[in-house]
Amino acid sequence: MRSVVVAAAVGVMAQTAYAADMPDYGPLRGALVETPRVINWEGFYVGGQGGYGTSDMNFTNATQGIVSDAVHDTVIAGFGVPGWPVLGKTSVHGQGIGGFLGYNAQWEDVVIGVEANYLHASFDQTVSNFPANSMTRCSPNSIIYSESNGNTHNICYGASGTMNVKDVGSVRARAGWAFGSFLPYMFGGVSLGRADIIRSATVIDSWTDSSGQNHRPVYSPTQIQNNHFIYGYAGGLGMDMMLYRGLFLRAEWEYLKFAAPIDTSVSTVRAGLGYKF
């Protein structure tokens, strides 16, 4: 029995010495260095947000359509009056709150998704170049035309426009690159919105015929569009940061361009909090 124990002990020591002489192949025993953990962003998510931004509105040709309809069968239509640039460009600041809903698909570090985004805001601006109740002076939007038959026209054109963008949103596709707890992304899609639009104009044609008789026809078209649907395209950049078990923080910049009776764009910066299921 003693000889068996001694033989076993000698065998164990020999095996230990042999293992000590072997090279250190770490991968054969498992990785010793941890790699950065990639967050799982795949799945549905929902969140709330608040934003602040600027709306750029171009009223230059805002009343061209309604004036063209009002004077189309008159002699002054041939003078190019509807195309006069009587109003200009302006910007207004606004803020709002809203939410977002989307879905992500993930391939290792690459994240592709679709999202619906909404912000209830108020970007309200009015531009006018004539007094509210009368046109006591025509300058600078006046001009004198003389016809070949001897009639002389002194034409005055005043206008005003109001636009209040109340709701903005986008349906977008987005692509991001996940690293650590962060997901920077870019997106593009369709912009959607709702706005109240009021456009009014007054055109006064003070003219004298060849016999010396004075005439003063007045054209005052107005168009009111409440809750008017507007649309266009959207684009922007953002960053999601995972906080804890599906809860994430968001920072984003979005640009929305709208095709509307008044040329309009809305640019906002936003902060939000979301949850991925």
Protein backbone atom coordinates (compact mmCIF):
# COMPACT_ATOMS: atom_id res chain seq x y z
CA MET A 1 0.00 0.00 0.00
CA ARG A 2 2.83 2.35 0.89
CA SER A 3 4.40 1.77 -2.52
CA VAL A 4 1.14 2.77 -4.28
CA VAL A 5 0.92 6.10 -2.38
CA VAL A 6 4.55 6.92 -3.13
CA ALA A 7 4.05 6.16 -6.85
CA ALA A 8 0.97 8.41 -7.02
CA ALA A 9 2.79 11.30 -5.32
CA VAL A 10 5.69 11.01 -7.73
CA GLY A 11 3.27 11.02 -10.67
CA VAL A 12 1.50 14.23 -9.48
CA MET A 13 4.84 16.06 -9.00
CA ALA A 14 6.00 15.02 -12.45
CA GLN A 15 2.78 16.27 -14.07
CA THR A 16 3.04 19.61 -12.20
CA ALA A 17 6.61 20.12 -13.37
CA TYR A 18 5.63 19.33 -16.96
CA ALA A 19 2.75 21.87 -16.85
CA ALA A 20 5.05 24.55 -15.45
CA ASP A 21 7.35 24.16 -18.42
CA MET A 22 4.52 24.68 -21.01
CA PRO A 23 4.02 28.11 -22.66
CA ASP A 24 1.21 30.34 -21.33
CA TYR A 25 -1.56 30.07 -23.96
CA GLY A 26 -4.15 32.44 -22.49
CA PRO A 27 -6.80 31.96 -25.18
CA LEU A 28 -6.88 28.24 -24.41
CA ARG A 29 -7.94 29.04 -20.85
CA GLY A 30 -10.40 31.86 -21.76
CA ALA A 31 -9.96 35.60 -22.34
CA LEU A 32 -8.37 37.49 -19.49
CA VAL A 33 -9.14 41.04 -20.79
CA GLU A 34 -12.74 42.31 -20.88
CA THR A 35 -14.03 44.02 -24.03
CA PRO A 36 -16.35 47.06 -23.81
CA ARG A 37 -19.94 45.96 -23.39
CA VAL A 38 -22.32 46.92 -26.27
CA ILE A 39 -25.77 47.94 -25.13
CA ASN A 40 -28.72 46.10 -26.64
CA TRP A 41 -30.77 48.81 -28.39
CA GLU A 42 -32.99 46.44 -30.36
CA GLY A 43 -36.72 46.62 -29.75
CA PHE A 44 -39.56 49.10 -29.34
CA TYR A 45 -39.07 52.32 -27.40
CA VAL A 46 -41.15 55.31 -26.33
CA GLY A 47 -40.37 58.64 -24.67
CA GLY A 48 -41.20 62.27 -23.94
CA GLN A 49 -39.32 65.43 -24.91
CA GLY A 50 -39.16 69.19 -24.73
CA GLY A 51 -37.68 71.53 -27.31
CA TYR A 52 -36.77 75.11 -28.16
CA GLY A 53 -36.13 76.51 -31.59
CA THR A 54 -36.56 79.01 -34.39
CA SER A 55 -38.97 79.21 -37.30
CA ASP A 56 -37.84 81.09 -40.42
CA MET A 57 -40.79 82.42 -42.42
CA ASN A 58 -40.62 83.98 -45.88
CA PHE A 59 -43.69 86.15 -46.56
CA THR A 60 -42.28 87.63 -49.81
CA ASN A 61 -44.78 85.94 -52.12
CA ALA A 62 -47.38 85.07 -49.48
CA THR A 63 -50.20 87.15 -51.02
CA GLN A 64 -49.35 86.65 -54.67
CA GLY A 65 -52.02 83.99 -55.21
CA ILE A 66 -54.94 85.81 -53.60
CA VAL A 67 -54.11 89.11 -55.33
CA SER A 68 -53.76 87.36 -58.68
CA ASP A 69 -57.26 85.92 -58.27
CA ALA A 70 -58.68 89.30 -57.25
CA VAL A 71 -57.30 91.35 -60.17
CA HIS A 72 -57.01 88.72 -62.92
CA ASP A 73 -59.72 90.34 -65.07
CA THR A 74 -58.52 93.94 -64.61
CA VAL A 75 -56.07 96.07 -66.55
CA ILE A 76 -53.64 96.20 -63.61
CA ALA A 77 -53.07 92.44 -63.84
CA GLY A 78 -50.99 93.19 -66.91
CA PHE A 79 -48.76 95.48 -64.85
CA GLY A 80 -47.45 92.50 -62.83
CA VAL A 81 -48.95 93.76 -59.57
CA PRO A 82 -49.54 90.28 -57.98
CA GLY A 83 -45.82 89.53 -58.22
CA TRP A 84 -44.66 92.61 -56.30
CA PRO A 85 -42.54 91.49 -53.28
CA VAL A 86 -44.39 93.62 -50.73
CA LEU A 87 -43.48 91.56 -47.65
CA GLY A 88 -40.20 90.07 -46.46
CA LYS A 89 -38.53 87.40 -44.34
CA THR A 90 -38.63 87.07 -40.57
CA SER A 91 -37.80 84.65 -37.75
CA VAL A 92 -39.59 83.80 -34.53
CA HIS A 93 -38.62 81.69 -31.52
CA GLY A 94 -40.81 79.09 -29.87
CA GLN A 95 -40.86 76.11 -27.56
CA GLY A 96 -42.94 73.02 -26.99
CA ILE A 97 -43.32 69.53 -25.56
CA GLY A 98 -44.06 66.20 -27.18
CA GLY A 99 -43.04 62.58 -27.52
CA PHE A 100 -41.59 59.89 -29.74
CA LEU A 101 -42.18 56.22 -30.57
CA GLY A 102 -39.96 53.89 -32.57
CA TYR A 103 -38.31 50.54 -33.21
CA ASN A 104 -34.62 49.59 -33.53
CA ALA A 105 -32.96 46.65 -35.23
CA GLN A 106 -29.33 45.96 -34.30
CA TRP A 107 -26.40 44.14 -35.94
CA GLU A 108 -23.49 44.20 -33.49
CA ASP A 109 -22.63 47.94 -33.32
CA VAL A 110 -24.94 49.09 -36.14
CA VAL A 111 -28.46 50.22 -35.21
CA ILE A 112 -31.14 50.94 -37.83
CA GLY A 113 -34.62 52.10 -36.92
CA VAL A 114 -37.83 53.93 -37.73
CA GLU A 115 -39.45 56.57 -35.54
CA ALA A 116 -42.47 58.87 -35.29
CA ASN A 117 -41.66 62.16 -33.54
CA TYR A 118 -44.03 64.92 -32.36
CA LEU A 119 -43.76 68.37 -30.77
CA HIS A 120 -46.67 70.63 -29.78
CA ALA A 121 -45.29 74.15 -30.07
CA SER A 122 -46.13 77.73 -30.99
CA PHE A 123 -44.19 79.65 -33.63
CA ASP A 124 -46.38 82.72 -34.24
CA GLN A 125 -45.47 85.69 -36.43
CA THR A 126 -47.27 88.54 -38.24
CA VAL A 127 -45.77 90.74 -40.96
CA SER A 128 -47.57 93.82 -42.33
CA ASN A 129 -46.68 96.85 -44.42
CA PHE A 130 -49.85 98.91 -44.21
CA PRO A 131 -52.04 100.31 -41.39
CA ALA A 132 -54.68 97.98 -40.09
CA ASN A 133 -57.74 100.04 -41.05
CA SER A 134 -56.71 102.09 -44.09
CA MET A 135 -54.00 102.78 -46.63
CA THR A 136 -53.27 106.44 -46.00
CA ARG A 137 -49.99 106.28 -47.87
CA CYS A 138 -48.80 104.08 -50.69
CA SER A 139 -45.04 104.44 -50.48
CA PRO A 140 -42.96 102.37 -50.98
CA ASN A 141 -45.33 99.89 -52.66
CA SER A 142 -46.76 102.17 -55.34
CA ILE A 143 -46.06 102.88 -58.97
CA ILE A 144 -47.52 104.98 -61.77
CA TYR A 145 -48.38 103.43 -65.13
CA SER A 146 -49.48 105.27 -68.26
CA GLU A 147 -51.50 103.47 -70.89
CA SER A 148 -51.27 104.18 -74.59
CA ASN A 149 -54.87 105.45 -74.53
CA GLY A 150 -53.93 108.21 -72.10
CA ASN A 151 -55.19 106.61 -68.87
CA THR A 152 -52.81 107.02 -65.91
CA HIS A 153 -52.78 104.52 -62.99
CA ASN A 154 -51.32 105.14 -59.54
CA ILE A 155 -51.32 101.67 -57.97
CA CYS A 156 -50.87 101.02 -54.25
CA TYR A 157 -50.36 97.52 -52.86
CA GLY A 158 -50.32 96.72 -49.15
CA ALA A 159 -50.37 93.30 -47.52
CA SER A 160 -50.14 91.40 -44.25
CA GLY A 161 -49.53 87.80 -43.34
CA THR A 162 -49.83 85.76 -40.15
CA MET A 163 -48.62 82.25 -39.54
CA ASN A 164 -48.79 80.24 -36.33
CA VAL A 165 -47.16 76.80 -36.53
CA LYS A 166 -48.81 74.88 -33.71
CA ASP A 167 -47.74 71.26 -34.23
CA VAL A 168 -44.68 69.79 -35.90
CA GLY A 169 -43.56 66.22 -36.34
CA SER A 170 -41.69 63.79 -38.52
CA VAL A 171 -41.76 60.19 -39.68
CA ARG A 172 -38.11 59.25 -40.02
CA ALA A 173 -35.61 56.52 -40.68
CA ARG A 174 -32.46 56.64 -38.57
CA ALA A 175 -29.06 54.98 -38.44
CA GLY A 176 -26.69 54.88 -35.47
CA TRP A 177 -23.45 53.37 -34.16
CA ALA A 178 -23.51 51.93 -30.65
CA PHE A 179 -20.47 52.14 -28.40
CA GLY A 180 -20.52 51.70 -24.66
CA SER A 181 -23.71 53.28 -23.35
CA PHE A 182 -23.99 55.77 -26.22
CA LEU A 183 -25.87 55.69 -29.52
CA PRO A 184 -25.12 58.65 -31.82
CA TYR A 185 -27.41 58.69 -34.84
CA MET A 186 -28.57 60.64 -37.87
CA PHE A 187 -32.00 60.60 -39.48
CA GLY A 188 -34.07 61.77 -42.41
CA GLY A 189 -37.71 61.57 -43.39
CA VAL A 190 -40.98 63.39 -43.94
CA SER A 191 -42.02 66.47 -41.95
CA LEU A 192 -45.64 67.04 -40.95
CA GLY A 193 -47.30 70.01 -39.28
CA ARG A 194 -50.41 72.05 -38.55
CA ALA A 195 -50.65 75.83 -38.79
CA ASP A 196 -53.07 78.76 -38.77
CA ILE A 197 -52.44 81.00 -41.80
CA ILE A 198 -54.02 84.38 -42.56
CA ARG A 199 -53.17 86.34 -45.70
CA SER A 200 -54.74 89.65 -46.70
CA ALA A 201 -53.98 92.38 -49.20
CA THR A 202 -55.33 95.70 -50.41
CA VAL A 203 -54.69 96.99 -53.90
CA ILE A 204 -55.88 100.51 -54.77
CA ASP A 205 -55.90 101.58 -58.40
CA SER A 206 -56.26 105.36 -58.48
CA TRP A 207 -56.46 106.23 -62.12
CA THR A 208 -57.49 109.08 -64.37
CA ASP A 209 -58.96 108.49 -67.77
CA SER A 210 -58.18 110.49 -70.89
CA SER A 211 -61.13 112.81 -70.22
CA GLY A 212 -59.75 113.76 -66.79
CA GLN A 213 -62.23 111.76 -64.71
CA ASN A 214 -60.85 110.10 -61.57
CA HIS A 215 -61.46 106.46 -60.57
CA ARG A 216 -60.45 104.54 -57.45
CA PRO A 217 -61.33 100.82 -57.41
CA VAL A 218 -60.13 98.87 -54.34
CA TYR A 219 -59.40 95.13 -54.22
CA SER A 220 -59.11 93.56 -50.74
CA PRO A 221 -58.78 89.76 -50.86
CA THR A 222 -58.32 87.77 -47.61
CA GLN A 223 -57.76 84.07 -47.04
CA ILE A 224 -57.95 82.38 -43.62
CA GLN A 225 -56.74 78.79 -43.20
CA ASN A 226 -57.12 77.40 -39.69
CA ASN A 227 -55.48 74.08 -38.79
CA HIS A 228 -53.96 73.92 -42.26
CA PHE A 229 -51.96 70.73 -42.90
CA ILE A 230 -48.36 71.36 -44.00
CA TYR A 231 -45.67 68.88 -45.00
CA GLY A 232 -42.12 68.65 -46.36
CA TYR A 233 -38.87 66.93 -45.39
CA ALA A 234 -36.94 66.38 -42.15
CA GLY A 235 -33.35 65.72 -41.10
CA GLY A 236 -31.09 65.92 -38.08
CA LEU A 237 -28.64 64.43 -35.60
CA GLY A 238 -28.94 63.06 -32.09
CA MET A 239 -27.48 61.04 -29.24
CA ASP A 240 -29.14 58.47 -26.98
CA MET A 241 -27.41 57.48 -23.73
CA MET A 242 -28.52 54.39 -21.80
CA LEU A 243 -28.90 55.15 -18.11
CA TYR A 244 -30.22 51.95 -16.53
CA ARG A 245 -32.00 48.84 -17.85
CA GLY A 246 -33.82 50.35 -20.82
CA LEU A 247 -34.08 53.92 -19.50
CA PHE A 248 -32.21 56.33 -21.77
CA LEU A 249 -31.55 60.05 -22.12
CA ARG A 250 -31.76 61.84 -25.48
CA ALA A 251 -30.32 65.05 -26.98
CA GLU A 252 -31.25 65.99 -30.55
CA TRP A 253 -31.27 68.66 -33.27
CA GLU A 254 -33.99 68.51 -35.93
CA TYR A 255 -34.59 70.59 -39.08
CA LEU A 256 -38.05 70.62 -40.69
CA LYS A 257 -38.82 72.24 -44.05
CA PHE A 258 -42.46 72.80 -45.06
CA ALA A 259 -44.17 73.39 -48.38
CA ALA A 260 -46.88 75.88 -47.41
CA PRO A 261 -48.57 79.08 -48.64
CA ILE A 262 -45.91 80.84 -46.56
CA ASP A 263 -42.44 79.33 -47.04
CA THR A 264 -41.50 78.02 -43.57
CA SER A 265 -38.82 76.00 -41.81
CA VAL A 266 -38.49 75.01 -38.14
CA SER A 267 -35.19 74.16 -36.44
CA THR A 268 -35.22 72.87 -32.85
CA VAL A 269 -32.92 71.45 -30.19
CA ARG A 270 -34.51 68.89 -27.88
CA ALA A 271 -33.94 66.91 -24.72
CA GLY A 272 -35.90 63.81 -23.87
CA LEU A 273 -36.22 60.74 -21.70
CA GLY A 274 -37.19 57.36 -23.12
CA TYR A 275 -37.56 53.69 -22.32
CA LYS A 276 -36.65 50.71 -24.52
CA PHE A 277 -38.72 47.60 -23.93
